[in-house]
Amino acid sequence: MYVCVCNAVTDREIRQCAALGVESLDDLRESLGVGSCCGQCAPVAASILSEGARPARDRLPQAA
């Protein structure tokens, strides 16, 4: 589904960025342009990003 209509960014693209290690909306804005025009997509994009980033963080080895 399109999350950012202004820049034609989909939820799949946001999840791919999260899988690659993007964790902040600022980084997502820099890489995909999300939230850089009207800003209406920013809350949904941040939510999708946090959902995608959480599993990636869970896979990191735990410090002993």
C-alpha atoms as a PDB file:
ATOM      1  CA  MET A   1       0.000   0.000   0.000  1.00  0.00           C
ATOM      2  CA  TYR A   2       1.171   3.536  -0.659  1.00  0.00           C
ATOM      3  CA  VAL A   3       2.113   5.274   2.559  1.00  0.00           C
ATOM      4  CA  CYS A   4       3.594   8.446   1.058  1.00  0.00           C
ATOM      5  CA  VAL A   5       1.582   9.532  -1.969  1.00  0.00           C
ATOM      6  CA  CYS A   6       3.773  12.591  -2.573  1.00  0.00           C
ATOM      7  CA  ASN A   7       6.856  10.427  -3.149  1.00  0.00           C
ATOM      8  CA  ALA A   8       5.149   7.146  -4.131  1.00  0.00           C
ATOM      9  CA  VAL A   9       6.632   5.200  -1.193  1.00  0.00           C
ATOM     10  CA  THR A  10       5.038   1.917  -0.176  1.00  0.00           C
ATOM     11  CA  ASP A  11       4.917   0.063   3.123  1.00  0.00           C
ATOM     12  CA  ARG A  12       7.070  -2.647   1.530  1.00  0.00           C
ATOM     13  CA  GLU A  13       9.844  -0.121   0.824  1.00  0.00           C
ATOM     14  CA  ILE A  14       9.710   1.122   4.411  1.00  0.00           C
ATOM     15  CA  ARG A  15       9.940  -2.452   5.723  1.00  0.00           C
ATOM     16  CA  GLN A  16      12.914  -3.103   3.434  1.00  0.00           C
ATOM     17  CA  CYS A  17      14.677  -0.049   4.854  1.00  0.00           C
ATOM     18  CA  ALA A  18      13.960  -1.287   8.386  1.00  0.00           C
ATOM     19  CA  ALA A  19      15.444  -4.678   7.494  1.00  0.00           C
ATOM     20  CA  LEU A  20      18.563  -2.886   6.269  1.00  0.00           C
ATOM     21  CA  GLY A  21      18.953  -1.107   9.612  1.00  0.00           C
ATOM     22  CA  VAL A  22      17.115   2.202   9.180  1.00  0.00           C
ATOM     23  CA  GLU A  23      15.650   3.031  12.590  1.00  0.00           C
ATOM     24  CA  SER A  24      14.653   6.699  12.510  1.00  0.00           C
ATOM     25  CA  LEU A  25      12.145   8.720  10.559  1.00  0.00           C
ATOM     26  CA  ASP A  26      14.928  11.192   9.703  1.00  0.00           C
ATOM     27  CA  ASP A  27      16.960   8.415   8.078  1.00  0.00           C
ATOM     28  CA  LEU A  28      13.860   7.174   6.269  1.00  0.00           C
ATOM     29  CA  ARG A  29      13.172  10.712   5.050  1.00  0.00           C
ATOM     30  CA  GLU A  30      16.733  10.971   3.762  1.00  0.00           C
ATOM     31  CA  SER A  31      16.645   7.632   1.943  1.00  0.00           C
ATOM     32  CA  LEU A  32      13.069   7.556   0.576  1.00  0.00           C
ATOM     33  CA  GLY A  33      11.758  11.099   0.940  1.00  0.00           C
ATOM     34  CA  VAL A  34       8.974  10.026   3.302  1.00  0.00           C
ATOM     35  CA  GLY A  35       7.432  12.985   5.088  1.00  0.00           C
ATOM     36  CA  SER A  36       9.419  15.556   3.136  1.00  0.00           C
ATOM     37  CA  CYS A  37       6.484  17.175   1.342  1.00  0.00           C
ATOM     38  CA  CYS A  38       3.150  17.487   3.117  1.00  0.00           C
ATOM     39  CA  GLY A  39       4.111  15.314   6.118  1.00  0.00           C
ATOM     40  CA  GLN A  40       0.767  13.533   6.391  1.00  0.00           C
ATOM     41  CA  CYS A  41       2.457  10.143   6.013  1.00  0.00           C
ATOM     42  CA  ALA A  42       5.008  10.594   8.800  1.00  0.00           C
ATOM     43  CA  PRO A  43       3.016   8.981  11.665  1.00  0.00           C
ATOM     44  CA  VAL A  44       2.108   5.895   9.617  1.00  0.00           C
ATOM     45  CA  ALA A  45       5.617   5.621   8.175  1.00  0.00           C
ATOM     46  CA  ALA A  46       7.118   5.822  11.676  1.00  0.00           C
ATOM     47  CA  SER A  47       4.766   3.100  12.874  1.00  0.00           C
ATOM     48  CA  ILE A  48       5.653   0.780   9.990  1.00  0.00           C
ATOM     49  CA  LEU A  49       9.339   1.521  10.502  1.00  0.00           C
ATOM     50  CA  SER A  50       9.191   0.667  14.212  1.00  0.00           C
ATOM     51  CA  GLU A  51       7.317  -2.587  13.496  1.00  0.00           C
ATOM     52  CA  GLY A  52       9.969  -3.561  10.961  1.00  0.00           C
ATOM     53  CA  ALA A  53      12.939  -2.482  13.071  1.00  0.00           C
ATOM     54  CA  ARG A  54      11.831  -4.403  16.165  1.00  0.00           C
ATOM     55  CA  PRO A  55      12.405  -7.913  14.745  1.00  0.00           C
ATOM     56  CA  ALA A  56      15.794  -6.854  13.381  1.00  0.00           C
ATOM     57  CA  ARG A  57      16.860  -5.690  16.842  1.00  0.00           C
ATOM     58  CA  ASP A  58      15.604  -8.926  18.385  1.00  0.00           C
ATOM     59  CA  ARG A  59      17.964 -10.929  16.145  1.00  0.00           C
ATOM     60  CA  LEU A  60      21.072  -9.141  17.418  1.00  0.00           C
ATOM     61  CA  PRO A  61      23.312 -11.262  19.664  1.00  0.00           C
ATOM     62  CA  GLN A  62      22.929 -10.481  23.334  1.00  0.00           C
ATOM     63  CA  ALA A  63      25.957  -9.241  25.276  1.00  0.00           C
ATOM     64  CA  ALA A  64      27.267 -11.694  27.844  1.00  0.00           C
END
